[in-house]
Amino acid sequence: MVLVEAMNYGLPIVAGKSSGAVPWVVKEAGIMINLSDIDEISDALEELLTNEDLYNKLSANGKKNVADRFSLDFVAKKYMELYEKN
């Protein structure tokens, strides 16, 4: 949930590429890294703080991702489709 909330506020994500469903949730809204590698974490954060174009691109991608896949209307529609199937 915290990833969706961050994307909704336009915050680019730095997250684990091997962290369960995280890559599926984040999609094109962040930088996927090995969270066990401090250099990867540092490099990703530095890239976001120094590359305004990348920051803005990931920010926009995150907002779109939330609107397209995690909005109340979208989720409710998906639940209704499941209920109607059964």
PDB file of N, CA and C in Angstrom:
ATOM      1  N   MET A   1       0.823  -1.198   0.000  1.00  0.00           N
ATOM      2  CA  MET A   1       0.000   0.000   0.000  1.00  0.00           C
ATOM      3  C   MET A   1       0.863   1.257   0.000  1.00  0.00           C
ATOM      4  N   VAL A   2       1.976   1.219   0.712  1.00  0.00           N
ATOM      5  CA  VAL A   2       2.813   2.407   0.803  1.00  0.00           C
ATOM      6  C   VAL A   2       3.379   2.787  -0.567  1.00  0.00           C
ATOM      7  N   LEU A   3       3.636   1.809  -1.420  1.00  0.00           N
ATOM      8  CA  LEU A   3       4.138   2.110  -2.764  1.00  0.00           C
ATOM      9  C   LEU A   3       3.077   2.829  -3.591  1.00  0.00           C
ATOM     10  N   VAL A   4       1.848   2.369  -3.511  1.00  0.00           N
ATOM     11  CA  VAL A   4       0.750   3.001  -4.240  1.00  0.00           C
ATOM     12  C   VAL A   4       0.529   4.420  -3.717  1.00  0.00           C
ATOM     13  N   GLU A   5       0.574   4.599  -2.414  1.00  0.00           N
ATOM     14  CA  GLU A   5       0.407   5.934  -1.836  1.00  0.00           C
ATOM     15  C   GLU A   5       1.518   6.873  -2.301  1.00  0.00           C
ATOM     16  N   ALA A   6       2.749   6.390  -2.311  1.00  0.00           N
ATOM     17  CA  ALA A   6       3.877   7.219  -2.754  1.00  0.00           C
ATOM     18  C   ALA A   6       3.719   7.599  -4.224  1.00  0.00           C
ATOM     19  N   MET A   7       3.358   6.634  -5.061  1.00  0.00           N
ATOM     20  CA  MET A   7       3.173   6.931  -6.480  1.00  0.00           C
ATOM     21  C   MET A   7       2.048   7.941  -6.679  1.00  0.00           C
ATOM     22  N   ASN A   8       0.982   7.816  -5.901  1.00  0.00           N
ATOM     23  CA  ASN A   8      -0.138   8.742  -6.001  1.00  0.00           C
ATOM     24  C   ASN A   8       0.297  10.181  -5.719  1.00  0.00           C
ATOM     25  N   TYR A   9       1.277  10.350  -4.856  1.00  0.00           N
ATOM     26  CA  TYR A   9       1.810  11.682  -4.540  1.00  0.00           C
ATOM     27  C   TYR A   9       2.912  12.110  -5.502  1.00  0.00           C
ATOM     28  N   GLY A  10       3.209  11.258  -6.497  1.00  0.00           N
ATOM     29  CA  GLY A  10       4.209  11.622  -7.489  1.00  0.00           C
ATOM     30  C   GLY A  10       5.640  11.333  -7.079  1.00  0.00           C
ATOM     31  N   LEU A  11       5.816  10.500  -6.081  1.00  0.00           N
ATOM     32  CA  LEU A  11       7.170  10.164  -5.646  1.00  0.00           C
ATOM     33  C   LEU A  11       7.697   8.967  -6.428  1.00  0.00           C
ATOM     34  N   PRO A  12       8.836   9.113  -7.104  1.00  0.00           N
ATOM     35  CA  PRO A  12       9.447   7.971  -7.760  1.00  0.00           C
ATOM     36  C   PRO A  12       9.856   6.931  -6.713  1.00  0.00           C
ATOM     37  N   ILE A  13       9.841   5.689  -7.115  1.00  0.00           N
ATOM     38  CA  ILE A  13      10.090   4.591  -6.197  1.00  0.00           C
ATOM     39  C   ILE A  13      11.475   4.000  -6.419  1.00  0.00           C
ATOM     40  N   VAL A  14      12.164   3.685  -5.337  1.00  0.00           N
ATOM     41  CA  VAL A  14      13.363   2.855  -5.362  1.00  0.00           C
ATOM     42  C   VAL A  14      12.997   1.624  -4.556  1.00  0.00           C
ATOM     43  N   ALA A  15      12.980   0.465  -5.229  1.00  0.00           N
ATOM     44  CA  ALA A  15      12.457  -0.733  -4.570  1.00  0.00           C
ATOM     45  C   ALA A  15      13.195  -1.974  -5.045  1.00  0.00           C
ATOM     46  N   GLY A  16      12.967  -3.050  -4.324  1.00  0.00           N
ATOM     47  CA  GLY A  16      13.646  -4.308  -4.604  1.00  0.00           C
ATOM     48  C   GLY A  16      13.097  -5.036  -5.812  1.00  0.00           C
ATOM     49  N   LYS A  17      13.993  -5.361  -6.735  1.00  0.00           N
ATOM     50  CA  LYS A  17      13.572  -6.074  -7.941  1.00  0.00           C
ATOM     51  C   LYS A  17      13.203  -7.521  -7.651  1.00  0.00           C
ATOM     52  N   SER A  18      13.577  -8.024  -6.494  1.00  0.00           N
ATOM     53  CA  SER A  18      13.237  -9.400  -6.109  1.00  0.00           C
ATOM     54  C   SER A  18      12.365  -9.416  -4.861  1.00  0.00           C
ATOM     55  N   SER A  19      11.549  -8.389  -4.710  1.00  0.00           N
ATOM     56  CA  SER A  19      10.721  -8.241  -3.508  1.00  0.00           C
ATOM     57  C   SER A  19       9.262  -8.574  -3.790  1.00  0.00           C
ATOM     58  N   GLY A  20       9.002  -9.818  -4.116  1.00  0.00           N
ATOM     59  CA  GLY A  20       7.630 -10.265  -4.324  1.00  0.00           C
ATOM     60  C   GLY A  20       6.923  -9.515  -5.428  1.00  0.00           C
ATOM     61  N   ALA A  21       5.769  -8.951  -5.109  1.00  0.00           N
ATOM     62  CA  ALA A  21       4.936  -8.274  -6.103  1.00  0.00           C
ATOM     63  C   ALA A  21       5.357  -6.828  -6.356  1.00  0.00           C
ATOM     64  N   VAL A  22       6.405  -6.371  -5.704  1.00  0.00           N
ATOM     65  CA  VAL A  22       6.824  -4.967  -5.829  1.00  0.00           C
ATOM     66  C   VAL A  22       7.039  -4.552  -7.286  1.00  0.00           C
ATOM     67  N   PRO A  23       7.793  -5.294  -8.099  1.00  0.00           N
ATOM     68  CA  PRO A  23       7.957  -4.869  -9.493  1.00  0.00           C
ATOM     69  C   PRO A  23       6.628  -4.787 -10.249  1.00  0.00           C
ATOM     70  N   TRP A  24       5.692  -5.689  -9.958  1.00  0.00           N
ATOM     71  CA  TRP A  24       4.376  -5.655 -10.592  1.00  0.00           C
ATOM     72  C   TRP A  24       3.609  -4.399 -10.182  1.00  0.00           C
ATOM     73  N   VAL A  25       3.697  -4.024  -8.922  1.00  0.00           N
ATOM     74  CA  VAL A  25       2.994  -2.838  -8.426  1.00  0.00           C
ATOM     75  C   VAL A  25       3.607  -1.570  -9.009  1.00  0.00           C
ATOM     76  N   VAL A  26       4.915  -1.478  -8.979  1.00  0.00           N
ATOM     77  CA  VAL A  26       5.611  -0.245  -9.370  1.00  0.00           C
ATOM     78  C   VAL A  26       5.651  -0.052 -10.881  1.00  0.00           C
ATOM     79  N   LYS A  27       5.845  -1.125 -11.621  1.00  0.00           N
ATOM     80  CA  LYS A  27       5.973  -1.059 -13.085  1.00  0.00           C
ATOM     81  C   LYS A  27       7.016  -0.026 -13.498  1.00  0.00           C
ATOM     82  N   GLU A  28       6.616   0.975 -14.281  1.00  0.00           N
ATOM     83  CA  GLU A  28       7.548   1.975 -14.832  1.00  0.00           C
ATOM     84  C   GLU A  28       7.632   3.247 -13.979  1.00  0.00           C
ATOM     85  N   ALA A  29       7.366   3.122 -12.695  1.00  0.00           N
ATOM     86  CA  ALA A  29       7.350   4.295 -11.821  1.00  0.00           C
ATOM     87  C   ALA A  29       8.539   4.334 -10.871  1.00  0.00           C
ATOM     88  N   GLY A  30       9.522   3.476 -11.114  1.00  0.00           N
ATOM     89  CA  GLY A  30      10.642   3.456 -10.184  1.00  0.00           C
ATOM     90  C   GLY A  30      11.861   2.766 -10.730  1.00  0.00           C
ATOM     91  N   ILE A  31      12.850   2.721  -9.881  1.00  0.00           N
ATOM     92  CA  ILE A  31      14.108   2.055 -10.182  1.00  0.00           C
ATOM     93  C   ILE A  31      14.152   0.794  -9.329  1.00  0.00           C
ATOM     94  N   MET A  32      14.254  -0.340  -9.999  1.00  0.00           N
ATOM     95  CA  MET A  32      14.307  -1.621  -9.304  1.00  0.00           C
ATOM     96  C   MET A  32      15.763  -2.000  -9.055  1.00  0.00           C
ATOM     97  N   ILE A  33      16.066  -2.318  -7.805  1.00  0.00           N
ATOM     98  CA  ILE A  33      17.448  -2.593  -7.421  1.00  0.00           C
ATOM     99  C   ILE A  33      17.524  -3.828  -6.528  1.00  0.00           C
ATOM    100  N   ASN A  34      18.729  -4.251  -6.256  1.00  0.00           N
ATOM    101  CA  ASN A  34      19.007  -5.279  -5.261  1.00  0.00           C
ATOM    102  C   ASN A  34      19.117  -4.559  -3.916  1.00  0.00           C
ATOM    103  N   LEU A  35      18.154  -4.766  -3.057  1.00  0.00           N
ATOM    104  CA  LEU A  35      18.132  -4.051  -1.780  1.00  0.00           C
ATOM    105  C   LEU A  35      19.239  -4.476  -0.819  1.00  0.00           C
ATOM    106  N   SER A  36      19.951  -5.533  -1.144  1.00  0.00           N
ATOM    107  CA  SER A  36      21.075  -5.965  -0.312  1.00  0.00           C
ATOM    108  C   SER A  36      22.375  -5.261  -0.680  1.00  0.00           C
ATOM    109  N   ASP A  37      22.337  -4.479  -1.745  1.00  0.00           N
ATOM    110  CA  ASP A  37      23.547  -3.804  -2.243  1.00  0.00           C
ATOM    111  C   ASP A  37      23.462  -2.308  -1.953  1.00  0.00           C
ATOM    112  N   ILE A  38      24.192  -1.869  -0.961  1.00  0.00           N
ATOM    113  CA  ILE A  38      24.147  -0.462  -0.533  1.00  0.00           C
ATOM    114  C   ILE A  38      24.557   0.486  -1.660  1.00  0.00           C
ATOM    115  N   ASP A  39      25.467   0.034  -2.520  1.00  0.00           N
ATOM    116  CA  ASP A  39      25.883   0.887  -3.643  1.00  0.00           C
ATOM    117  C   ASP A  39      24.742   1.083  -4.638  1.00  0.00           C
ATOM    118  N   GLU A  40      23.949   0.047  -4.883  1.00  0.00           N
ATOM    119  CA  GLU A  40      22.797   0.185  -5.776  1.00  0.00           C
ATOM    120  C   GLU A  40      21.765   1.144  -5.193  1.00  0.00           C
ATOM    121  N   ILE A  41      21.548   1.044  -3.903  1.00  0.00           N
ATOM    122  CA  ILE A  41      20.605   1.954  -3.241  1.00  0.00           C
ATOM    123  C   ILE A  41      21.094   3.392  -3.377  1.00  0.00           C
ATOM    124  N   SER A  42      22.342   3.612  -3.065  1.00  0.00           N
ATOM    125  CA  SER A  42      22.934   4.942  -3.140  1.00  0.00           C
ATOM    126  C   SER A  42      22.899   5.491  -4.563  1.00  0.00           C
ATOM    127  N   ASP A  43      23.275   4.660  -5.516  1.00  0.00           N
ATOM    128  CA  ASP A  43      23.288   5.096  -6.920  1.00  0.00           C
ATOM    129  C   ASP A  43      21.894   5.459  -7.405  1.00  0.00           C
ATOM    130  N   ALA A  44      20.898   4.661  -7.045  1.00  0.00           N
ATOM    131  CA  ALA A  44      19.523   4.934  -7.471  1.00  0.00           C
ATOM    132  C   ALA A  44      19.014   6.240  -6.874  1.00  0.00           C
ATOM    133  N   LEU A  45      19.279   6.443  -5.598  1.00  0.00           N
ATOM    134  CA  LEU A  45      18.841   7.691  -4.955  1.00  0.00           C
ATOM    135  C   LEU A  45      19.545   8.900  -5.545  1.00  0.00           C
ATOM    136  N   GLU A  46      20.847   8.759  -5.781  1.00  0.00           N
ATOM    137  CA  GLU A  46      21.599   9.865  -6.389  1.00  0.00           C
ATOM    138  C   GLU A  46      21.063  10.183  -7.778  1.00  0.00           C
ATOM    139  N   GLU A  47      20.756   9.146  -8.554  1.00  0.00           N
ATOM    140  CA  GLU A  47      20.213   9.351  -9.898  1.00  0.00           C
ATOM    141  C   GLU A  47      18.896  10.121  -9.842  1.00  0.00           C
ATOM    142  N   LEU A  48      18.031   9.762  -8.916  1.00  0.00           N
ATOM    143  CA  LEU A  48      16.754  10.473  -8.795  1.00  0.00           C
ATOM    144  C   LEU A  48      16.940  11.923  -8.359  1.00  0.00           C
ATOM    145  N   LEU A  49      17.912  12.163  -7.501  1.00  0.00           N
ATOM    146  CA  LEU A  49      18.125  13.513  -6.978  1.00  0.00           C
ATOM    147  C   LEU A  49      18.881  14.419  -7.937  1.00  0.00           C
ATOM    148  N   THR A  50      19.538  13.842  -8.921  1.00  0.00           N
ATOM    149  CA  THR A  50      20.344  14.652  -9.842  1.00  0.00           C
ATOM    150  C   THR A  50      19.817  14.661 -11.268  1.00  0.00           C
ATOM    151  N   ASN A  51      18.869  13.803 -11.576  1.00  0.00           N
ATOM    152  CA  ASN A  51      18.338  13.711 -12.935  1.00  0.00           C
ATOM    153  C   ASN A  51      16.864  14.120 -12.913  1.00  0.00           C
ATOM    154  N   GLU A  52      16.637  15.394 -13.135  1.00  0.00           N
ATOM    155  CA  GLU A  52      15.273  15.936 -13.047  1.00  0.00           C
ATOM    156  C   GLU A  52      14.334  15.303 -14.070  1.00  0.00           C
ATOM    157  N   ASP A  53      14.833  15.031 -15.267  1.00  0.00           N
ATOM    158  CA  ASP A  53      13.994  14.411 -16.296  1.00  0.00           C
ATOM    159  C   ASP A  53      13.530  13.020 -15.865  1.00  0.00           C
ATOM    160  N   LEU A  54      14.448  12.234 -15.320  1.00  0.00           N
ATOM    161  CA  LEU A  54      14.096  10.901 -14.845  1.00  0.00           C
ATOM    162  C   LEU A  54      13.087  10.996 -13.702  1.00  0.00           C
ATOM    163  N   TYR A  55      13.356  11.889 -12.752  1.00  0.00           N
ATOM    164  CA  TYR A  55      12.436  12.078 -11.622  1.00  0.00           C
ATOM    165  C   TYR A  55      11.028  12.391 -12.131  1.00  0.00           C
ATOM    166  N   ASN A  56      10.936  13.345 -13.046  1.00  0.00           N
ATOM    167  CA  ASN A  56       9.627  13.761 -13.564  1.00  0.00           C
ATOM    168  C   ASN A  56       8.943  12.641 -14.343  1.00  0.00           C
ATOM    169  N   LYS A  57       9.714  11.885 -15.125  1.00  0.00           N
ATOM    170  CA  LYS A  57       9.156  10.773 -15.888  1.00  0.00           C
ATOM    171  C   LYS A  57       8.588   9.703 -14.953  1.00  0.00           C
ATOM    172  N   LEU A  58       9.377   9.304 -13.942  1.00  0.00           N
ATOM    173  CA  LEU A  58       8.922   8.281 -13.005  1.00  0.00           C
ATOM    174  C   LEU A  58       7.736   8.776 -12.185  1.00  0.00           C
ATOM    175  N   SER A  59       7.755  10.048 -11.847  1.00  0.00           N
ATOM    176  CA  SER A  59       6.646  10.648 -11.103  1.00  0.00           C
ATOM    177  C   SER A  59       5.351  10.566 -11.920  1.00  0.00           C
ATOM    178  N   ALA A  60       5.412  10.968 -13.175  1.00  0.00           N
ATOM    179  CA  ALA A  60       4.235  10.918 -14.043  1.00  0.00           C
ATOM    180  C   ALA A  60       3.776   9.478 -14.261  1.00  0.00           C
ATOM    181  N   ASN A  61       4.734   8.574 -14.458  1.00  0.00           N
ATOM    182  CA  ASN A  61       4.391   7.160 -14.639  1.00  0.00           C
ATOM    183  C   ASN A  61       3.673   6.613 -13.403  1.00  0.00           C
ATOM    184  N   GLY A  62       4.130   7.011 -12.234  1.00  0.00           N
ATOM    185  CA  GLY A  62       3.515   6.539 -10.997  1.00  0.00           C
ATOM    186  C   GLY A  62       2.081   7.014 -10.846  1.00  0.00           C
ATOM    187  N   LYS A  63       1.851   8.280 -11.127  1.00  0.00           N
ATOM    188  CA  LYS A  63       0.493   8.817 -11.027  1.00  0.00           C
ATOM    189  C   LYS A  63      -0.441   8.118 -12.007  1.00  0.00           C
ATOM    190  N   LYS A  64       0.045   7.877 -13.222  1.00  0.00           N
ATOM    191  CA  LYS A  64      -0.766   7.178 -14.222  1.00  0.00           C
ATOM    192  C   LYS A  64      -1.014   5.733 -13.800  1.00  0.00           C
ATOM    193  N   ASN A  65       0.013   5.096 -13.272  1.00  0.00           N
ATOM    194  CA  ASN A  65      -0.094   3.716 -12.800  1.00  0.00           C
ATOM    195  C   ASN A  65      -1.199   3.596 -11.746  1.00  0.00           C
ATOM    196  N   VAL A  66      -1.200   4.507 -10.797  1.00  0.00           N
ATOM    197  CA  VAL A  66      -2.221   4.486  -9.734  1.00  0.00           C
ATOM    198  C   VAL A  66      -3.608   4.730 -10.324  1.00  0.00           C
ATOM    199  N   ALA A  67      -3.727   5.717 -11.183  1.00  0.00           N
ATOM    200  CA  ALA A  67      -5.028   6.029 -11.777  1.00  0.00           C
ATOM    201  C   ALA A  67      -5.559   4.868 -12.609  1.00  0.00           C
ATOM    202  N   ASP A  68      -4.661   4.206 -13.340  1.00  0.00           N
ATOM    203  CA  ASP A  68      -5.075   3.124 -14.237  1.00  0.00           C
ATOM    204  C   ASP A  68      -5.354   1.812 -13.513  1.00  0.00           C
ATOM    205  N   ARG A  69      -4.622   1.532 -12.436  1.00  0.00           N
ATOM    206  CA  ARG A  69      -4.665   0.187 -11.860  1.00  0.00           C
ATOM    207  C   ARG A  69      -5.115   0.101 -10.403  1.00  0.00           C
ATOM    208  N   PHE A  70      -5.122   1.217  -9.689  1.00  0.00           N
ATOM    209  CA  PHE A  70      -5.410   1.152  -8.258  1.00  0.00           C
ATOM    210  C   PHE A  70      -6.479   2.142  -7.794  1.00  0.00           C
ATOM    211  N   SER A  71      -7.152   2.780  -8.734  1.00  0.00           N
ATOM    212  CA  SER A  71      -8.211   3.713  -8.334  1.00  0.00           C
ATOM    213  C   SER A  71      -9.388   2.936  -7.745  1.00  0.00           C
ATOM    214  N   LEU A  72     -10.182   3.587  -6.944  1.00  0.00           N
ATOM    215  CA  LEU A  72     -11.359   2.962  -6.337  1.00  0.00           C
ATOM    216  C   LEU A  72     -12.295   2.416  -7.408  1.00  0.00           C
ATOM    217  N   ASP A  73     -12.528   3.192  -8.453  1.00  0.00           N
ATOM    218  CA  ASP A  73     -13.428   2.751  -9.516  1.00  0.00           C
ATOM    219  C   ASP A  73     -12.900   1.499 -10.218  1.00  0.00           C
ATOM    220  N   PHE A  74     -11.606   1.486 -10.520  1.00  0.00           N
ATOM    221  CA  PHE A  74     -11.022   0.343 -11.216  1.00  0.00           C
ATOM    222  C   PHE A  74     -11.083  -0.916 -10.358  1.00  0.00           C
ATOM    223  N   VAL A  75     -10.705  -0.794  -9.099  1.00  0.00           N
ATOM    224  CA  VAL A  75     -10.706  -1.952  -8.203  1.00  0.00           C
ATOM    225  C   VAL A  75     -12.128  -2.457  -7.980  1.00  0.00           C
ATOM    226  N   ALA A  76     -13.072  -1.556  -7.773  1.00  0.00           N
ATOM    227  CA  ALA A  76     -14.466  -1.963  -7.588  1.00  0.00           C
ATOM    228  C   ALA A  76     -14.990  -2.674  -8.832  1.00  0.00           C
ATOM    229  N   LYS A  77     -14.643  -2.161 -10.008  1.00  0.00           N
ATOM    230  CA  LYS A  77     -15.062  -2.802 -11.258  1.00  0.00           C
ATOM    231  C   LYS A  77     -14.509  -4.224 -11.341  1.00  0.00           C
ATOM    232  N   LYS A  78     -13.259  -4.410 -10.980  1.00  0.00           N
ATOM    233  CA  LYS A  78     -12.641  -5.738 -11.019  1.00  0.00           C
ATOM    234  C   LYS A  78     -13.324  -6.693 -10.044  1.00  0.00           C
ATOM    235  N   TYR A  79     -13.653  -6.213  -8.854  1.00  0.00           N
ATOM    236  CA  TYR A  79     -14.382  -7.041  -7.886  1.00  0.00           C
ATOM    237  C   TYR A  79     -15.743  -7.437  -8.439  1.00  0.00           C
ATOM    238  N   MET A  80     -16.447  -6.496  -9.033  1.00  0.00           N
ATOM    239  CA  MET A  80     -17.764  -6.791  -9.588  1.00  0.00           C
ATOM    240  C   MET A  80     -17.659  -7.833 -10.708  1.00  0.00           C
ATOM    241  N   GLU A  81     -16.638  -7.731 -11.540  1.00  0.00           N
ATOM    242  CA  GLU A  81     -16.439  -8.719 -12.603  1.00  0.00           C
ATOM    243  C   GLU A  81     -16.230 -10.112 -12.003  1.00  0.00           C
ATOM    244  N   LEU A  82     -15.477 -10.186 -10.917  1.00  0.00           N
ATOM    245  CA  LEU A  82     -15.248 -11.474 -10.262  1.00  0.00           C
ATOM    246  C   LEU A  82     -16.537 -12.024  -9.662  1.00  0.00           C
ATOM    247  N   TYR A  83     -17.313 -11.172  -8.999  1.00  0.00           N
ATOM    248  CA  TYR A  83     -18.564 -11.608  -8.397  1.00  0.00           C
ATOM    249  C   TYR A  83     -19.526 -12.119  -9.471  1.00  0.00           C
ATOM    250  N   GLU A  84     -19.579 -11.422 -10.593  1.00  0.00           N
ATOM    251  CA  GLU A  84     -20.496 -11.805 -11.662  1.00  0.00           C
ATOM    252  C   GLU A  84     -20.081 -13.117 -12.315  1.00  0.00           C
ATOM    253  N   LYS A  85     -18.796 -13.431 -12.282  1.00  0.00           N
ATOM    254  CA  LYS A  85     -18.319 -14.705 -12.842  1.00  0.00           C
ATOM    255  C   LYS A  85     -18.786 -15.892 -12.027  1.00  0.00           C
ATOM    256  N   ASN A  86     -18.881 -15.710 -10.728  1.00  0.00           N
ATOM    257  CA  ASN A  86     -19.195 -16.832  -9.830  1.00  0.00           C
ATOM    258  C   ASN A  86     -20.623 -16.866  -9.510  1.00  0.00           C
TER     259      ASN A  86
END
